[in-house]
Protein backbone atom coordinates (compact mmCIF):
# COMPACT_ATOMS: atom_id res chain seq x y z
CA GLU A 1 -4.75 23.25 14.14
CA ALA A 2 -4.98 23.97 9.75
CA THR A 3 -7.12 20.66 9.90
CA GLY A 4 -10.12 22.14 12.00
CA ALA A 5 -8.81 20.15 15.05
CA ALA A 6 -10.23 21.52 17.99
CA GLY A 7 -6.71 19.97 20.21
CA ILE A 8 -3.87 17.70 20.57
CA PHE A 9 -2.80 14.87 22.76
CA ILE A 10 1.30 15.27 23.34
CA GLU A 11 2.40 12.21 25.60
CA ASP A 12 4.62 11.33 27.94
CA GLN A 13 5.90 7.52 26.61
CA GLU A 14 8.70 6.56 24.59
CA THR A 15 8.33 6.12 21.40
CA PRO A 16 6.91 3.16 20.99
CA LYS A 17 3.87 4.47 22.79
CA LYS A 18 2.46 1.16 24.51
CA CYS A 19 -1.37 0.95 25.41
CA GLY A 20 -0.83 1.22 29.06
CA LYS A 21 -2.96 -1.68 30.03
CA TYR A 22 -0.02 -3.96 29.92
CA PRO A 23 4.13 -3.94 30.36
CA GLY A 24 7.09 -2.02 29.47
CA VAL A 25 5.31 1.20 29.24
CA GLN A 26 8.80 3.76 29.42
CA LEU A 27 8.14 7.42 30.17
CA LEU A 28 10.35 10.28 28.68
CA PRO A 29 12.15 12.30 31.04
CA MET A 30 9.82 15.07 32.65
CA GLN A 31 12.20 17.68 31.32
CA GLU A 32 11.36 16.89 28.14
CA MET A 33 8.31 16.48 28.04
CA VAL A 34 8.15 19.34 29.45
CA LEU A 35 10.07 21.26 26.52
CA LYS A 36 7.70 19.27 24.50
CA ILE A 37 4.72 20.84 25.62
CA LYS A 38 6.51 24.19 25.55
CA GLY A 39 7.05 23.85 21.73
CA ALA A 40 3.55 23.32 21.47
CA VAL A 41 2.47 26.30 23.33
CA ARG A 42 4.82 28.14 20.97
CA ALA A 43 3.58 26.85 17.35
CA ARG A 44 0.39 27.31 18.42
CA HIS A 45 -1.66 29.57 16.58
CA ASP A 46 -5.47 29.42 17.69
CA PRO A 47 -5.55 30.15 22.03
CA ASP A 48 -8.66 27.60 22.03
CA PHE A 49 -6.76 24.89 20.47
CA LEU A 50 -6.44 22.69 23.10
CA LEU A 51 -2.55 20.84 24.52
CA ILE A 52 -3.86 17.84 26.66
CA ALA A 53 -0.76 16.71 28.40
CA ARG A 54 -1.61 12.38 28.90
CA VAL A 55 -0.07 11.20 32.42
CA MET A 56 0.68 7.65 31.91
CA GLN A 57 0.60 5.21 34.54
CA THR A 58 0.97 5.45 38.09
CA ARG A 59 2.56 2.01 37.90
CA VAL A 60 5.56 3.33 36.77
CA GLU A 61 5.90 6.29 39.06
CA GLY A 62 3.18 5.60 41.26
CA LYS A 63 -0.07 8.43 42.38
CA ASP A 64 2.65 10.73 43.80
CA GLY A 65 5.22 10.97 40.35
CA MET A 66 1.65 11.16 37.87
CA ILE A 67 0.71 14.83 39.52
CA ALA A 68 4.09 15.60 39.70
CA ARG A 69 3.95 15.42 36.02
CA GLY A 70 1.02 16.70 35.78
CA ARG A 71 1.28 19.77 37.40
CA ALA A 72 4.63 20.14 35.95
CA TYR A 73 2.86 19.58 32.21
CA VAL A 74 0.45 22.22 32.97
CA GLU A 75 2.83 24.95 34.14
CA ALA A 76 4.96 24.67 30.72
CA GLY A 77 1.55 25.68 29.42
CA ALA A 78 -0.92 22.37 28.90
CA ASP A 79 -4.24 23.22 29.17
CA MET A 80 -6.01 19.51 30.40
CA VAL A 81 -4.37 16.78 31.73
CA MET A 82 -5.42 13.05 31.11
CA VAL A 83 -4.17 10.24 33.71
CA ARG A 84 -4.05 6.98 33.05
CA GLY A 85 -3.40 4.49 35.39
CA MET A 86 -5.12 4.26 38.85
CA LYS A 87 -6.10 1.47 40.24
CA THR A 88 -8.34 2.19 43.18
CA ALA A 89 -11.53 5.06 43.42
CA ALA A 90 -9.20 6.64 46.42
CA GLU A 91 -6.65 7.36 43.94
CA HIS A 92 -8.85 8.29 41.14
CA GLU A 93 -10.56 10.79 42.98
CA ALA A 94 -6.83 12.27 44.73
CA VAL A 95 -6.22 13.13 41.03
CA ALA A 96 -9.18 14.73 39.97
CA ASN A 97 -8.39 18.27 40.98
CA ALA A 98 -4.86 17.69 41.14
CA PHE A 99 -3.82 20.10 38.15
CA GLY A 100 -5.37 23.01 38.94
CA VAL A 101 -6.75 22.68 34.89
CA PRO A 102 -9.78 20.12 33.24
CA VAL A 103 -8.72 16.23 34.11
CA MET A 104 -10.22 13.90 31.79
CA LEU A 105 -9.06 9.73 31.86
CA THR A 106 -9.72 6.83 30.36
CA PHE A 107 -13.02 4.53 32.41
CA PRO A 108 -11.07 2.87 34.53
CA GLN A 109 -11.64 -0.68 33.93
CA LEU A 110 -9.07 -3.61 35.71
CA GLN A 111 -7.86 -6.28 33.55
CA THR A 112 -6.14 -9.31 34.27
CA PRO A 113 -3.46 -11.74 33.24
CA SER A 114 -6.70 -13.28 30.97
CA LEU A 115 -7.76 -10.23 29.27
CA GLU A 116 -11.25 -10.02 31.50
CA ILE A 117 -11.73 -6.78 32.26
CA SER A 118 -14.21 -5.13 35.15
CA ASN A 119 -14.64 -1.83 37.09
CA VAL A 120 -13.21 -0.12 40.05
CA PRO A 121 -14.42 -0.91 42.83
CA GLY A 122 -16.71 2.41 43.58
CA ILE A 123 -16.77 3.47 40.05
CA GLU A 124 -19.42 2.44 37.61
CA THR A 125 -20.52 4.97 35.42
CA ALA A 126 -19.33 8.08 33.98
CA LYS A 127 -21.45 10.47 36.44
CA ASP A 128 -19.58 8.45 38.95
CA LEU A 129 -16.40 10.51 37.70
CA GLU A 130 -17.65 13.50 36.96
CA LYS A 131 -18.58 13.46 40.59
CA MET A 132 -14.93 12.93 41.84
CA GLY A 133 -13.98 16.39 39.70
CA PHE A 134 -12.75 14.63 35.82
CA LYS A 135 -14.16 17.34 33.12
CA ALA A 136 -14.10 14.44 30.33
CA VAL A 137 -14.01 10.36 29.71
CA VAL A 138 -12.98 8.50 26.91
CA PHE A 139 -14.84 4.69 26.56
CA ALA A 140 -11.31 3.87 24.23
CA SER A 141 -12.47 0.70 22.83
CA VAL A 142 -16.56 0.64 23.31
CA PRO A 143 -17.50 1.49 19.70
CA GLN A 144 -14.57 -1.11 18.40
CA ARG A 145 -15.61 -3.53 20.11
CA ALA A 146 -19.45 -3.50 19.65
CA ALA A 147 -18.75 -3.30 15.67
CA ILE A 148 -16.44 -6.45 16.00
CA ARG A 149 -19.52 -8.26 17.29
CA GLY A 150 -22.21 -6.94 15.35
CA MET A 151 -19.67 -7.76 11.92
CA ARG A 152 -19.22 -11.15 13.15
CA GLU A 153 -23.13 -11.48 13.74
CA VAL A 154 -23.68 -10.12 10.44
CA LEU A 155 -20.97 -12.63 8.77
CA ALA A 156 -22.65 -15.83 10.75
CA CYS A 157 -25.98 -14.78 8.93
CA LEU A 158 -24.67 -14.48 5.36
CA LYS A 159 -22.60 -17.92 5.61
CA ARG A 160 -25.62 -19.47 7.37
CA ASP A 161 -28.54 -18.28 5.21
CA GLY A 162 -26.54 -16.85 2.03
CA GLY A 163 -28.37 -13.16 2.18
CA THR A 164 -28.63 -10.12 4.30
CA GLY A 165 -33.30 -10.43 4.85
CA ASN A 166 -32.99 -11.94 8.51
CA CYS A 167 -29.85 -9.74 9.81
CA SER A 168 -30.78 -6.33 8.06
CA ASP A 169 -31.86 -5.09 11.55
CA LEU A 170 -28.37 -5.95 12.96
CA MET A 171 -26.87 -2.95 10.13
CA VAL A 172 -28.09 0.99 9.26
CA SER A 173 -29.28 2.06 6.10
CA PHE A 174 -27.59 2.38 3.02
CA LYS A 175 -29.01 5.15 2.89
CA ASP A 176 -27.58 6.27 6.60
CA ARG A 177 -24.45 4.88 5.80
CA GLU A 178 -24.07 7.17 2.53
CA GLU A 179 -24.78 10.53 4.65
CA MET A 180 -23.41 9.36 7.60
CA ILE A 181 -19.91 9.34 4.52
CA GLY A 182 -21.23 12.82 3.47
CA LEU A 183 -21.60 11.70 -0.02
CA GLY A 184 -23.87 14.38 -1.25
CA GLU A 185 -20.66 16.31 -0.20
CA ILE A 186 -17.89 14.45 -2.07
CA GLN A 187 -20.50 14.49 -5.45
CA GLU A 188 -20.75 18.04 -4.70
CA LEU A 189 -17.00 18.36 -5.18
CA GLU A 190 -16.76 15.70 -7.73
CA ARG A 191 -19.01 18.19 -9.82
CA GLU A 192 -17.44 21.54 -8.99
CA LEU A 193 -13.66 20.11 -9.60
CA VAL A 194 -13.68 16.65 -11.99
CA LEU A 195 -13.58 16.37 -15.41
CA ARG A 196 -16.26 15.45 -17.79
CA ASP A 197 -15.92 14.01 -21.31
CA LYS A 198 -18.39 16.18 -23.25
């Protein structure tokens, strides 16, 4: 809260946490997660600071278990529920409005043992999820995967050509990068707070 964050996810997985796509996810006992949320509610200073309860995995306790957990977390004080692990459009529709608070999710995709992914039939875009009643969606690894591809292409260009002349269109400009990292603000702080030799 003090850092300016707008909210926090509270996880109902045992530590160490695992990605929900993979086997071995272990859930906290429901009552332990309820107490975590009650503790967060008690510690919160700003009533607009969002407490988002992550409810993992229909594969562990099924859709009904997910709904029971989510409702208990809302009763404990969660402002929003994040769900994961549904495999069909029907399961998504059943969960979207089950909690009485806004529901978010990671964009649902099915994963094969060979790590290929495909969309859940009937869910192609965020608009499909909005129609079901979901209020927010996360495209979790999309920026990372796009960045990896871009880095590979630029590095291949460097290896092939020895320079960036033929791949400058794959990069933001140096000026854009400096603006994005807030260089001007950093330099202003440096002028105000760092001693210089006379």
